[in-house]
Amino acid sequence: MKIAVLTSGGDAPGMNAAVRAVVRSALYEKMGAFAVYDGYKGLCENIIKPMKHSDVSSILDKGGTILGTSRMPDFNLKKVKQRAIDNLRSHGIDVLITIGGDGTFMGAKGLHDMGFPTIGIPASIDNDIDGTDFSIGFHTALKTVVENIDKIKDTSSSHQRASIVETMGRKKGDLALYAGLSTGAEFIITPENIIDKNLIIETLKKKKEEGRRNAIIVVTENILNVHEFANEITEKSGFTCRATVLGYVQRGGSPTPEDRILAARMGEYAVKLAANKTFGVKVLVNHDEISAKPFGHTSKRDNFDNLKELFDLVPKIS
């Protein structure tokens, strides 16, 4: 059996660790290992090369992805997917393991539906992939966000300011929620937890009158204009407020041990699925157990059933 691996969509710390695990697990099982460069775009351009054990040396601690990545909207076209399949078959490849998020899995499902075996490994700093407790890259991004908010709190306290910090997350608030709880934020605004602006301003006004020296508000991207809201807080609360958009710094950096271990476990499990001819599935972790479900599978993640409980903690301990 010959296995190919690619990374696609937004990069996430730990992707290299997953590539390493797939390649070395495949070689350990006496399988052929191939790398596809630059995601689905590279697949359609036939940028496919065989991999040796040494090709994935010294990448475990590296952020980004050595294979490169891309976004390719045209991959939803049947003729484009057929070109990708033809390229894979020209190398004698039997299965493609894809590392990425929902868009990556849509592409993999499309190939599977056309008869080419695929398996998905979840990697996204947003932690927004359905069915898995955690995706590769989330813990590293969380560490980055927490470190930055801690530094912002230092200067906010010195100047007696309030600060709004915008995180990534798309339509999922996990980064903001976990970072906010980890840094003692007064308010955490996410798609799951929208808070009235007037309530925030009145609460900050009261805290200022009580002698509070700083305040932190953490918000998921695309919910509000943080700069405009910072100006509004400055005008009405008694706090001078500054906004910080963390941006792409959240995607970079050496992966944490949690992400390296998760990547190793998921990469090895994906190869095991391939050996057992279990295709059209995505690898998941739930309650620290690795499993797999079909690409179309949706489920509510048990350990996030208590989201309201986590959000309710904020006013009690901030």
C-alpha atoms as a PDB file:
ATOM      1  CA  MET A   1       0.000   0.000   0.000  1.00  0.00           C
ATOM      2  CA  LYS A   2       1.146   3.555  -0.776  1.00  0.00           C
ATOM      3  CA  ILE A   3      -0.029   6.498   1.310  1.00  0.00           C
ATOM      4  CA  ALA A   4       0.141  10.202   0.445  1.00  0.00           C
ATOM      5  CA  VAL A   5      -0.256  13.056   2.916  1.00  0.00           C
ATOM      6  CA  LEU A   6      -1.098  16.730   2.389  1.00  0.00           C
ATOM      7  CA  THR A   7      -1.845  19.800   4.485  1.00  0.00           C
ATOM      8  CA  SER A   8      -4.534  22.212   3.360  1.00  0.00           C
ATOM      9  CA  GLY A   9      -6.330  25.406   4.368  1.00  0.00           C
ATOM     10  CA  GLY A  10      -5.195  27.536   7.278  1.00  0.00           C
ATOM     11  CA  ASP A  11      -1.929  26.366   8.816  1.00  0.00           C
ATOM     12  CA  ALA A  12      -1.892  25.205  12.431  1.00  0.00           C
ATOM     13  CA  PRO A  13       0.996  24.434  14.794  1.00  0.00           C
ATOM     14  CA  GLY A  14       1.427  20.669  14.946  1.00  0.00           C
ATOM     15  CA  MET A  15       0.776  20.001  11.272  1.00  0.00           C
ATOM     16  CA  ASN A  16       4.434  19.061  10.838  1.00  0.00           C
ATOM     17  CA  ALA A  17       4.190  16.675  13.769  1.00  0.00           C
ATOM     18  CA  ALA A  18       1.204  15.019  12.091  1.00  0.00           C
ATOM     19  CA  VAL A  19       3.027  14.758   8.742  1.00  0.00           C
ATOM     20  CA  ARG A  20       5.983  13.203  10.558  1.00  0.00           C
ATOM     21  CA  ALA A  21       3.743  10.680  12.309  1.00  0.00           C
ATOM     22  CA  VAL A  22       2.002   9.666   9.076  1.00  0.00           C
ATOM     23  CA  VAL A  23       5.230   9.243   7.109  1.00  0.00           C
ATOM     24  CA  ARG A  24       7.102   7.327   9.776  1.00  0.00           C
ATOM     25  CA  SER A  25       4.136   5.149  10.738  1.00  0.00           C
ATOM     26  CA  ALA A  26       3.623   4.244   7.084  1.00  0.00           C
ATOM     27  CA  LEU A  27       7.295   3.386   6.614  1.00  0.00           C
ATOM     28  CA  TYR A  28       7.262   1.356   9.845  1.00  0.00           C
ATOM     29  CA  GLU A  29       4.394  -0.701   8.398  1.00  0.00           C
ATOM     30  CA  LYS A  30       6.408  -1.230   5.177  1.00  0.00           C
ATOM     31  CA  MET A  31       4.113   1.045   3.187  1.00  0.00           C
ATOM     32  CA  GLY A  32       5.158   3.621   0.640  1.00  0.00           C
ATOM     33  CA  ALA A  33       4.953   7.224   1.836  1.00  0.00           C
ATOM     34  CA  PHE A  34       4.436  10.256  -0.401  1.00  0.00           C
ATOM     35  CA  ALA A  35       4.042  13.979   0.251  1.00  0.00           C
ATOM     36  CA  VAL A  36       1.772  16.321  -1.686  1.00  0.00           C
ATOM     37  CA  TYR A  37       3.061  19.891  -1.610  1.00  0.00           C
ATOM     38  CA  ASP A  38       0.909  23.049  -1.402  1.00  0.00           C
ATOM     39  CA  GLY A  39      -2.356  21.328  -0.564  1.00  0.00           C
ATOM     40  CA  TYR A  40      -5.021  20.546  -3.159  1.00  0.00           C
ATOM     41  CA  LYS A  41      -3.452  23.049  -5.536  1.00  0.00           C
ATOM     42  CA  GLY A  42      -0.225  21.053  -5.508  1.00  0.00           C
ATOM     43  CA  LEU A  43      -2.202  17.842  -5.865  1.00  0.00           C
ATOM     44  CA  CYS A  44      -3.803  19.136  -9.057  1.00  0.00           C
ATOM     45  CA  GLU A  45      -0.385  20.271 -10.301  1.00  0.00           C
ATOM     46  CA  ASN A  46       1.076  16.832  -9.529  1.00  0.00           C
ATOM     47  CA  ILE A  47       3.635  18.120  -7.009  1.00  0.00           C
ATOM     48  CA  ILE A  48       3.969  14.730  -5.352  1.00  0.00           C
ATOM     49  CA  LYS A  49       7.222  13.248  -4.066  1.00  0.00           C
ATOM     50  CA  PRO A  50       8.193  10.021  -2.273  1.00  0.00           C
ATOM     51  CA  MET A  51       9.269  10.437   1.354  1.00  0.00           C
ATOM     52  CA  LYS A  52      12.077   8.832   3.339  1.00  0.00           C
ATOM     53  CA  HIS A  53      12.433   8.557   7.103  1.00  0.00           C
ATOM     54  CA  SER A  54      14.987  11.376   7.113  1.00  0.00           C
ATOM     55  CA  ASP A  55      12.724  13.729   5.141  1.00  0.00           C
ATOM     56  CA  VAL A  56      10.690  14.396   8.283  1.00  0.00           C
ATOM     57  CA  SER A  57      13.619  14.729  10.686  1.00  0.00           C
ATOM     58  CA  SER A  58      13.855  17.897  12.790  1.00  0.00           C
ATOM     59  CA  ILE A  59      10.315  19.103  12.007  1.00  0.00           C
ATOM     60  CA  LEU A  60       8.522  18.034  15.182  1.00  0.00           C
ATOM     61  CA  ASP A  61       9.056  21.390  16.875  1.00  0.00           C
ATOM     62  CA  LYS A  62       8.449  23.546  13.801  1.00  0.00           C
ATOM     63  CA  GLY A  63       5.352  25.687  13.323  1.00  0.00           C
ATOM     64  CA  GLY A  64       3.562  26.016   9.991  1.00  0.00           C
ATOM     65  CA  THR A  65       3.791  23.141   7.532  1.00  0.00           C
ATOM     66  CA  ILE A  66       6.852  22.033   5.569  1.00  0.00           C
ATOM     67  CA  LEU A  67       4.519  20.739   2.857  1.00  0.00           C
ATOM     68  CA  GLY A  68       2.997  24.146   2.294  1.00  0.00           C
ATOM     69  CA  THR A  69      -0.711  24.827   2.070  1.00  0.00           C
ATOM     70  CA  SER A  70      -3.220  26.640  -0.105  1.00  0.00           C
ATOM     71  CA  ARG A  71      -6.891  27.349  -0.595  1.00  0.00           C
ATOM     72  CA  MET A  72      -8.473  26.151  -3.823  1.00  0.00           C
ATOM     73  CA  PRO A  73     -12.180  26.985  -4.299  1.00  0.00           C
ATOM     74  CA  ASP A  74     -12.165  25.282  -7.722  1.00  0.00           C
ATOM     75  CA  PHE A  75     -11.581  21.933  -6.034  1.00  0.00           C
ATOM     76  CA  ASN A  76     -15.350  21.549  -5.703  1.00  0.00           C
ATOM     77  CA  LEU A  77     -15.495  21.008  -9.484  1.00  0.00           C
ATOM     78  CA  LYS A  78     -15.703  17.367 -10.528  1.00  0.00           C
ATOM     79  CA  LYS A  79     -13.168  17.747 -13.347  1.00  0.00           C
ATOM     80  CA  VAL A  80     -10.649  19.268 -10.921  1.00  0.00           C
ATOM     81  CA  LYS A  81     -11.089  16.424  -8.448  1.00  0.00           C
ATOM     82  CA  GLN A  82     -10.704  13.924 -11.291  1.00  0.00           C
ATOM     83  CA  ARG A  83      -7.380  15.519 -12.229  1.00  0.00           C
ATOM     84  CA  ALA A  84      -6.268  15.114  -8.612  1.00  0.00           C
ATOM     85  CA  ILE A  85      -7.269  11.444  -8.611  1.00  0.00           C
ATOM     86  CA  ASP A  86      -5.451  10.837 -11.888  1.00  0.00           C
ATOM     87  CA  ASN A  87      -2.294  12.380 -10.436  1.00  0.00           C
ATOM     88  CA  LEU A  88      -2.469  10.218  -7.322  1.00  0.00           C
ATOM     89  CA  ARG A  89      -2.994   7.072  -9.363  1.00  0.00           C
ATOM     90  CA  SER A  90      -0.096   7.946 -11.659  1.00  0.00           C
ATOM     91  CA  HIS A  91       2.168   7.486  -8.620  1.00  0.00           C
ATOM     92  CA  GLY A  92       0.455   4.255  -7.602  1.00  0.00           C
ATOM     93  CA  ILE A  93      -0.933   5.888  -4.461  1.00  0.00           C
ATOM     94  CA  ASP A  94      -3.756   3.977  -2.770  1.00  0.00           C
ATOM     95  CA  VAL A  95      -4.969   6.408  -0.097  1.00  0.00           C
ATOM     96  CA  LEU A  96      -4.685  10.133   0.652  1.00  0.00           C
ATOM     97  CA  ILE A  97      -4.457  11.404   4.236  1.00  0.00           C
ATOM     98  CA  THR A  98      -5.494  15.053   4.508  1.00  0.00           C
ATOM     99  CA  ILE A  99      -4.571  17.330   7.421  1.00  0.00           C
ATOM    100  CA  GLY A 100      -6.669  20.460   7.918  1.00  0.00           C
ATOM    101  CA  GLY A 101     -10.107  21.799   8.768  1.00  0.00           C
ATOM    102  CA  ASP A 102     -13.638  21.623   7.423  1.00  0.00           C
ATOM    103  CA  GLY A 103     -12.695  22.828   3.932  1.00  0.00           C
ATOM    104  CA  THR A 104      -9.963  20.214   3.744  1.00  0.00           C
ATOM    105  CA  PHE A 105     -12.411  17.521   4.798  1.00  0.00           C
ATOM    106  CA  MET A 106     -14.933  18.668   2.180  1.00  0.00           C
ATOM    107  CA  GLY A 107     -12.270  18.137  -0.464  1.00  0.00           C
ATOM    108  CA  ALA A 108     -11.353  14.743   0.971  1.00  0.00           C
ATOM    109  CA  LYS A 109     -15.000  13.679   1.080  1.00  0.00           C
ATOM    110  CA  GLY A 110     -15.384  14.755  -2.538  1.00  0.00           C
ATOM    111  CA  LEU A 111     -12.487  12.519  -3.570  1.00  0.00           C
ATOM    112  CA  HIS A 112     -13.881   9.640  -1.515  1.00  0.00           C
ATOM    113  CA  ASP A 113     -17.321  10.059  -3.109  1.00  0.00           C
ATOM    114  CA  MET A 114     -15.625   9.756  -6.520  1.00  0.00           C
ATOM    115  CA  GLY A 115     -14.015   6.477  -5.511  1.00  0.00           C
ATOM    116  CA  PHE A 116     -10.602   7.490  -4.186  1.00  0.00           C
ATOM    117  CA  PRO A 117      -9.877   6.472  -0.562  1.00  0.00           C
ATOM    118  CA  THR A 118      -9.254   9.356   1.856  1.00  0.00           C
ATOM    119  CA  ILE A 119      -8.819   9.916   5.594  1.00  0.00           C
ATOM    120  CA  GLY A 120      -8.860  13.256   7.444  1.00  0.00           C
ATOM    121  CA  ILE A 121      -6.853  14.496  10.426  1.00  0.00           C
ATOM    122  CA  PRO A 122      -8.270  17.638  12.134  1.00  0.00           C
ATOM    123  CA  ALA A 123      -5.898  20.605  12.386  1.00  0.00           C
ATOM    124  CA  SER A 124      -7.278  24.075  13.112  1.00  0.00           C
ATOM    125  CA  ILE A 125      -6.446  26.701  15.719  1.00  0.00           C
ATOM    126  CA  ASP A 126     -10.157  27.596  15.807  1.00  0.00           C
ATOM    127  CA  ASN A 127     -11.072  24.173  17.260  1.00  0.00           C
ATOM    128  CA  ASP A 128     -14.208  24.313  15.123  1.00  0.00           C
ATOM    129  CA  ILE A 129     -14.197  20.814  13.624  1.00  0.00           C
ATOM    130  CA  ASP A 130     -17.352  18.943  14.509  1.00  0.00           C
ATOM    131  CA  GLY A 131     -17.114  15.706  16.464  1.00  0.00           C
ATOM    132  CA  THR A 132     -13.699  16.132  18.086  1.00  0.00           C
ATOM    133  CA  ASP A 133     -12.894  17.626  21.479  1.00  0.00           C
ATOM    134  CA  PHE A 134      -9.702  19.190  20.157  1.00  0.00           C
ATOM    135  CA  SER A 135      -8.022  19.790  16.818  1.00  0.00           C
ATOM    136  CA  ILE A 136      -4.270  19.966  16.272  1.00  0.00           C
ATOM    137  CA  GLY A 137      -3.035  23.527  16.804  1.00  0.00           C
ATOM    138  CA  PHE A 138      -5.661  24.720  19.270  1.00  0.00           C
ATOM    139  CA  HIS A 139      -3.553  24.349  22.408  1.00  0.00           C
ATOM    140  CA  THR A 140      -0.597  26.170  20.861  1.00  0.00           C
ATOM    141  CA  ALA A 141      -2.788  29.036  19.672  1.00  0.00           C
ATOM    142  CA  LEU A 142      -4.391  29.206  23.110  1.00  0.00           C
ATOM    143  CA  LYS A 143      -0.954  29.463  24.724  1.00  0.00           C
ATOM    144  CA  THR A 144      -0.050  32.296  22.343  1.00  0.00           C
ATOM    145  CA  VAL A 145      -3.262  34.190  23.085  1.00  0.00           C
ATOM    146  CA  VAL A 146      -2.878  33.795  26.847  1.00  0.00           C
ATOM    147  CA  GLU A 147       0.739  34.983  26.759  1.00  0.00           C
ATOM    148  CA  ASN A 148      -0.266  38.069  24.784  1.00  0.00           C
ATOM    149  CA  ILE A 149      -3.211  38.919  27.023  1.00  0.00           C
ATOM    150  CA  ASP A 150      -0.990  38.572  30.100  1.00  0.00           C
ATOM    151  CA  LYS A 151       1.367  41.150  28.583  1.00  0.00           C
ATOM    152  CA  ILE A 152      -1.503  43.456  27.667  1.00  0.00           C
ATOM    153  CA  LYS A 153      -2.763  43.224  31.260  1.00  0.00           C
ATOM    154  CA  ASP A 154       0.647  44.359  32.523  1.00  0.00           C
ATOM    155  CA  THR A 155       0.519  47.611  30.591  1.00  0.00           C
ATOM    156  CA  SER A 156      -3.229  48.072  31.113  1.00  0.00           C
ATOM    157  CA  SER A 157      -2.756  47.906  34.865  1.00  0.00           C
ATOM    158  CA  SER A 158       0.158  50.344  34.737  1.00  0.00           C
ATOM    159  CA  HIS A 159      -1.947  52.903  32.862  1.00  0.00           C
ATOM    160  CA  GLN A 160      -5.276  52.033  34.545  1.00  0.00           C
ATOM    161  CA  ARG A 161      -6.846  51.102  31.217  1.00  0.00           C
ATOM    162  CA  ALA A 162      -9.374  48.670  29.878  1.00  0.00           C
ATOM    163  CA  SER A 163      -8.382  46.512  26.904  1.00  0.00           C
ATOM    164  CA  ILE A 164     -10.338  44.642  24.258  1.00  0.00           C
ATOM    165  CA  VAL A 165      -8.490  41.712  22.702  1.00  0.00           C
ATOM    166  CA  GLU A 166      -9.786  40.112  19.495  1.00  0.00           C
ATOM    167  CA  THR A 167      -8.935  36.466  18.834  1.00  0.00           C
ATOM    168  CA  MET A 168      -9.412  34.244  15.823  1.00  0.00           C
ATOM    169  CA  GLY A 169     -12.075  31.538  15.876  1.00  0.00           C
ATOM    170  CA  ARG A 170     -14.349  32.136  12.872  1.00  0.00           C
ATOM    171  CA  LYS A 171     -17.772  30.952  14.090  1.00  0.00           C
ATOM    172  CA  LYS A 172     -16.451  29.166  17.169  1.00  0.00           C
ATOM    173  CA  GLY A 173     -15.560  30.855  20.451  1.00  0.00           C
ATOM    174  CA  ASP A 174     -13.242  28.290  22.034  1.00  0.00           C
ATOM    175  CA  LEU A 175     -10.067  30.388  21.737  1.00  0.00           C
ATOM    176  CA  ALA A 176     -11.701  33.431  23.309  1.00  0.00           C
ATOM    177  CA  LEU A 177     -13.451  31.397  26.004  1.00  0.00           C
ATOM    178  CA  TYR A 178     -10.426  29.442  27.161  1.00  0.00           C
ATOM    179  CA  ALA A 179      -8.099  32.431  26.898  1.00  0.00           C
ATOM    180  CA  GLY A 180     -10.533  34.652  28.764  1.00  0.00           C
ATOM    181  CA  LEU A 181     -10.943  32.175  31.598  1.00  0.00           C
ATOM    182  CA  SER A 182      -7.168  31.700  31.740  1.00  0.00           C
ATOM    183  CA  THR A 183      -6.490  35.435  32.065  1.00  0.00           C
ATOM    184  CA  GLY A 184      -9.326  36.555  34.320  1.00  0.00           C
ATOM    185  CA  ALA A 185     -11.216  38.516  31.673  1.00  0.00           C
ATOM    186  CA  GLU A 186     -14.176  40.572  32.865  1.00  0.00           C
ATOM    187  CA  PHE A 187     -16.144  39.744  29.708  1.00  0.00           C
ATOM    188  CA  ILE A 188     -15.842  37.056  27.023  1.00  0.00           C
ATOM    189  CA  ILE A 189     -17.837  37.703  23.860  1.00  0.00           C
ATOM    190  CA  THR A 190     -18.202  34.801  21.418  1.00  0.00           C
ATOM    191  CA  PRO A 191     -20.761  33.574  18.878  1.00  0.00           C
ATOM    192  CA  GLU A 192     -22.187  31.436  21.711  1.00  0.00           C
ATOM    193  CA  ASN A 193     -22.176  34.279  24.237  1.00  0.00           C
ATOM    194  CA  ILE A 194     -23.214  37.675  22.878  1.00  0.00           C
ATOM    195  CA  ILE A 195     -23.274  40.375  25.586  1.00  0.00           C
ATOM    196  CA  ASP A 196     -25.116  43.693  25.421  1.00  0.00           C
ATOM    197  CA  LYS A 197     -22.681  46.591  25.022  1.00  0.00           C
ATOM    198  CA  ASN A 198     -24.530  48.760  27.528  1.00  0.00           C
ATOM    199  CA  LEU A 199     -24.198  46.067  30.192  1.00  0.00           C
ATOM    200  CA  ILE A 200     -20.444  45.946  29.602  1.00  0.00           C
ATOM    201  CA  ILE A 201     -20.094  49.731  29.811  1.00  0.00           C
ATOM    202  CA  GLU A 202     -22.183  50.005  32.998  1.00  0.00           C
ATOM    203  CA  THR A 203     -20.263  47.165  34.644  1.00  0.00           C
ATOM    204  CA  LEU A 204     -16.914  48.733  33.745  1.00  0.00           C
ATOM    205  CA  LYS A 205     -18.123  52.093  35.064  1.00  0.00           C
ATOM    206  CA  LYS A 206     -18.992  50.468  38.391  1.00  0.00           C
ATOM    207  CA  LYS A 207     -15.648  48.644  38.580  1.00  0.00           C
ATOM    208  CA  LYS A 208     -13.809  51.901  37.873  1.00  0.00           C
ATOM    209  CA  GLU A 209     -15.689  53.609  40.706  1.00  0.00           C
ATOM    210  CA  GLU A 210     -14.726  50.714  42.999  1.00  0.00           C
ATOM    211  CA  GLY A 211     -11.054  51.327  42.245  1.00  0.00           C
ATOM    212  CA  ARG A 212     -10.325  48.650  39.631  1.00  0.00           C
ATOM    213  CA  ARG A 213      -7.065  49.485  37.804  1.00  0.00           C
ATOM    214  CA  ASN A 214      -7.664  47.456  34.626  1.00  0.00           C
ATOM    215  CA  ALA A 215     -10.204  45.360  32.774  1.00  0.00           C
ATOM    216  CA  ILE A 216      -9.950  42.833  29.964  1.00  0.00           C
ATOM    217  CA  ILE A 217     -12.574  41.988  27.363  1.00  0.00           C
ATOM    218  CA  VAL A 218     -11.880  39.061  25.020  1.00  0.00           C
ATOM    219  CA  VAL A 219     -13.918  38.783  21.829  1.00  0.00           C
ATOM    220  CA  THR A 220     -14.030  36.358  18.912  1.00  0.00           C
ATOM    221  CA  GLU A 221     -13.399  37.905  15.489  1.00  0.00           C
ATOM    222  CA  ASN A 222     -16.234  39.157  13.244  1.00  0.00           C
ATOM    223  CA  ILE A 223     -18.653  39.926  16.087  1.00  0.00           C
ATOM    224  CA  LEU A 224     -18.034  43.657  16.522  1.00  0.00           C
ATOM    225  CA  ASN A 225     -15.619  46.405  15.569  1.00  0.00           C
ATOM    226  CA  VAL A 226     -13.270  46.335  18.549  1.00  0.00           C
ATOM    227  CA  HIS A 227     -11.739  49.735  17.792  1.00  0.00           C
ATOM    228  CA  GLU A 228     -15.126  51.454  17.680  1.00  0.00           C
ATOM    229  CA  PHE A 229     -16.234  49.707  20.854  1.00  0.00           C
ATOM    230  CA  ALA A 230     -12.993  50.692  22.607  1.00  0.00           C
ATOM    231  CA  ASN A 231     -13.756  54.332  21.759  1.00  0.00           C
ATOM    232  CA  GLU A 232     -17.286  53.941  23.108  1.00  0.00           C
ATOM    233  CA  ILE A 233     -15.981  52.469  26.370  1.00  0.00           C
ATOM    234  CA  THR A 234     -13.537  55.365  26.692  1.00  0.00           C
ATOM    235  CA  GLU A 235     -16.350  57.886  26.226  1.00  0.00           C
ATOM    236  CA  LYS A 236     -18.845  56.307  28.637  1.00  0.00           C
ATOM    237  CA  SER A 237     -17.182  54.097  31.278  1.00  0.00           C
ATOM    238  CA  GLY A 238     -14.467  56.169  32.917  1.00  0.00           C
ATOM    239  CA  PHE A 239     -11.827  53.762  31.626  1.00  0.00           C
ATOM    240  CA  THR A 240      -9.513  54.672  28.780  1.00  0.00           C
ATOM    241  CA  CYS A 241      -9.779  51.632  26.513  1.00  0.00           C
ATOM    242  CA  ARG A 242      -7.458  50.233  23.861  1.00  0.00           C
ATOM    243  CA  ALA A 243      -8.176  47.506  21.280  1.00  0.00           C
ATOM    244  CA  THR A 244      -5.713  44.836  20.170  1.00  0.00           C
ATOM    245  CA  VAL A 245      -6.317  42.489  17.235  1.00  0.00           C
ATOM    246  CA  LEU A 246      -3.922  39.584  17.715  1.00  0.00           C
ATOM    247  CA  GLY A 247      -4.170  38.420  14.095  1.00  0.00           C
ATOM    248  CA  TYR A 248      -1.885  35.871  12.488  1.00  0.00           C
ATOM    249  CA  VAL A 249       0.517  35.605  15.420  1.00  0.00           C
ATOM    250  CA  GLN A 250      -2.007  33.048  16.713  1.00  0.00           C
ATOM    251  CA  ARG A 251      -1.170  30.629  13.892  1.00  0.00           C
ATOM    252  CA  GLY A 252       2.581  30.570  14.403  1.00  0.00           C
ATOM    253  CA  GLY A 253       5.047  29.179  16.882  1.00  0.00           C
ATOM    254  CA  SER A 254       6.464  25.875  18.009  1.00  0.00           C
ATOM    255  CA  PRO A 255       3.646  23.462  18.913  1.00  0.00           C
ATOM    256  CA  THR A 256       2.998  22.707  22.562  1.00  0.00           C
ATOM    257  CA  PRO A 257       3.527  19.181  23.935  1.00  0.00           C
ATOM    258  CA  GLU A 258      -0.260  18.683  23.850  1.00  0.00           C
ATOM    259  CA  ASP A 259      -0.395  19.391  20.117  1.00  0.00           C
ATOM    260  CA  ARG A 260       2.699  17.303  19.359  1.00  0.00           C
ATOM    261  CA  ILE A 261       1.289  14.306  21.204  1.00  0.00           C
ATOM    262  CA  LEU A 262      -2.176  14.687  19.662  1.00  0.00           C
ATOM    263  CA  ALA A 263      -0.605  14.928  16.194  1.00  0.00           C
ATOM    264  CA  ALA A 264       1.476  11.814  16.806  1.00  0.00           C
ATOM    265  CA  ARG A 265      -1.530   9.817  18.000  1.00  0.00           C
ATOM    266  CA  MET A 266      -3.800  10.961  15.186  1.00  0.00           C
ATOM    267  CA  GLY A 267      -1.165  10.453  12.481  1.00  0.00           C
ATOM    268  CA  GLU A 268      -0.417   6.910  13.602  1.00  0.00           C
ATOM    269  CA  TYR A 269      -4.133   6.143  13.900  1.00  0.00           C
ATOM    270  CA  ALA A 270      -4.793   7.398  10.373  1.00  0.00           C
ATOM    271  CA  VAL A 271      -2.186   4.978   9.007  1.00  0.00           C
ATOM    272  CA  LYS A 272      -3.793   2.189  11.015  1.00  0.00           C
ATOM    273  CA  LEU A 273      -7.159   3.054   9.454  1.00  0.00           C
ATOM    274  CA  ALA A 274      -5.569   2.910   6.003  1.00  0.00           C
ATOM    275  CA  ALA A 275      -4.058  -0.505   6.730  1.00  0.00           C
ATOM    276  CA  ASN A 276      -7.516  -1.727   7.776  1.00  0.00           C
ATOM    277  CA  LYS A 277      -9.060  -0.190   4.632  1.00  0.00           C
ATOM    278  CA  THR A 278     -11.283   2.162   6.631  1.00  0.00           C
ATOM    279  CA  PHE A 279     -11.773   5.167   4.375  1.00  0.00           C
ATOM    280  CA  GLY A 280     -14.005   8.222   4.079  1.00  0.00           C
ATOM    281  CA  VAL A 281     -13.488   9.063   7.751  1.00  0.00           C
ATOM    282  CA  LYS A 282     -12.018  11.776   9.957  1.00  0.00           C
ATOM    283  CA  VAL A 283      -9.901  11.037  13.016  1.00  0.00           C
ATOM    284  CA  LEU A 284     -11.307  12.362  16.306  1.00  0.00           C
ATOM    285  CA  VAL A 285     -10.350  12.609  19.965  1.00  0.00           C
ATOM    286  CA  ASN A 286     -13.053  12.381  22.613  1.00  0.00           C
ATOM    287  CA  HIS A 287     -12.342  12.026  26.327  1.00  0.00           C
ATOM    288  CA  ASP A 288      -8.698  11.414  25.334  1.00  0.00           C
ATOM    289  CA  GLU A 289      -9.629   8.406  23.174  1.00  0.00           C
ATOM    290  CA  ILE A 290      -8.799   8.386  19.450  1.00  0.00           C
ATOM    291  CA  SER A 291     -11.513   7.160  17.084  1.00  0.00           C
ATOM    292  CA  ALA A 292     -12.925   7.851  13.626  1.00  0.00           C
ATOM    293  CA  LYS A 293     -16.284   8.806  12.138  1.00  0.00           C
ATOM    294  CA  PRO A 294     -17.468   9.351   8.538  1.00  0.00           C
ATOM    295  CA  PHE A 295     -16.760  12.787   7.063  1.00  0.00           C
ATOM    296  CA  GLY A 296     -20.440  13.702   7.158  1.00  0.00           C
ATOM    297  CA  HIS A 297     -20.849  12.756  10.819  1.00  0.00           C
ATOM    298  CA  THR A 298     -22.005  15.531  13.142  1.00  0.00           C
ATOM    299  CA  SER A 299     -22.313  15.365  16.908  1.00  0.00           C
ATOM    300  CA  LYS A 300     -22.419  17.619  19.912  1.00  0.00           C
ATOM    301  CA  ARG A 301     -19.140  17.408  21.792  1.00  0.00           C
ATOM    302  CA  ASP A 302     -19.870  16.123  25.291  1.00  0.00           C
ATOM    303  CA  ASN A 303     -17.194  18.125  27.074  1.00  0.00           C
ATOM    304  CA  PHE A 304     -18.632  21.360  25.666  1.00  0.00           C
ATOM    305  CA  ASP A 305     -22.202  20.637  26.759  1.00  0.00           C
ATOM    306  CA  ASN A 306     -21.408  22.780  29.788  1.00  0.00           C
ATOM    307  CA  LEU A 307     -20.520  25.916  27.809  1.00  0.00           C
ATOM    308  CA  LYS A 308     -23.032  27.955  29.785  1.00  0.00           C
ATOM    309  CA  GLU A 309     -21.419  26.788  33.014  1.00  0.00           C
ATOM    310  CA  LEU A 310     -18.028  28.006  31.778  1.00  0.00           C
ATOM    311  CA  PHE A 311     -19.402  31.373  30.704  1.00  0.00           C
ATOM    312  CA  ASP A 312     -21.233  31.713  34.032  1.00  0.00           C
ATOM    313  CA  LEU A 313     -17.873  31.438  35.794  1.00  0.00           C
ATOM    314  CA  VAL A 314     -16.671  34.711  34.299  1.00  0.00           C
ATOM    315  CA  PRO A 315     -18.606  37.256  36.400  1.00  0.00           C
ATOM    316  CA  LYS A 316     -18.032  35.184  39.545  1.00  0.00           C
ATOM    317  CA  ILE A 317     -14.233  35.041  39.361  1.00  0.00           C
ATOM    318  CA  SER A 318     -13.192  38.035  37.232  1.00  0.00           C
END
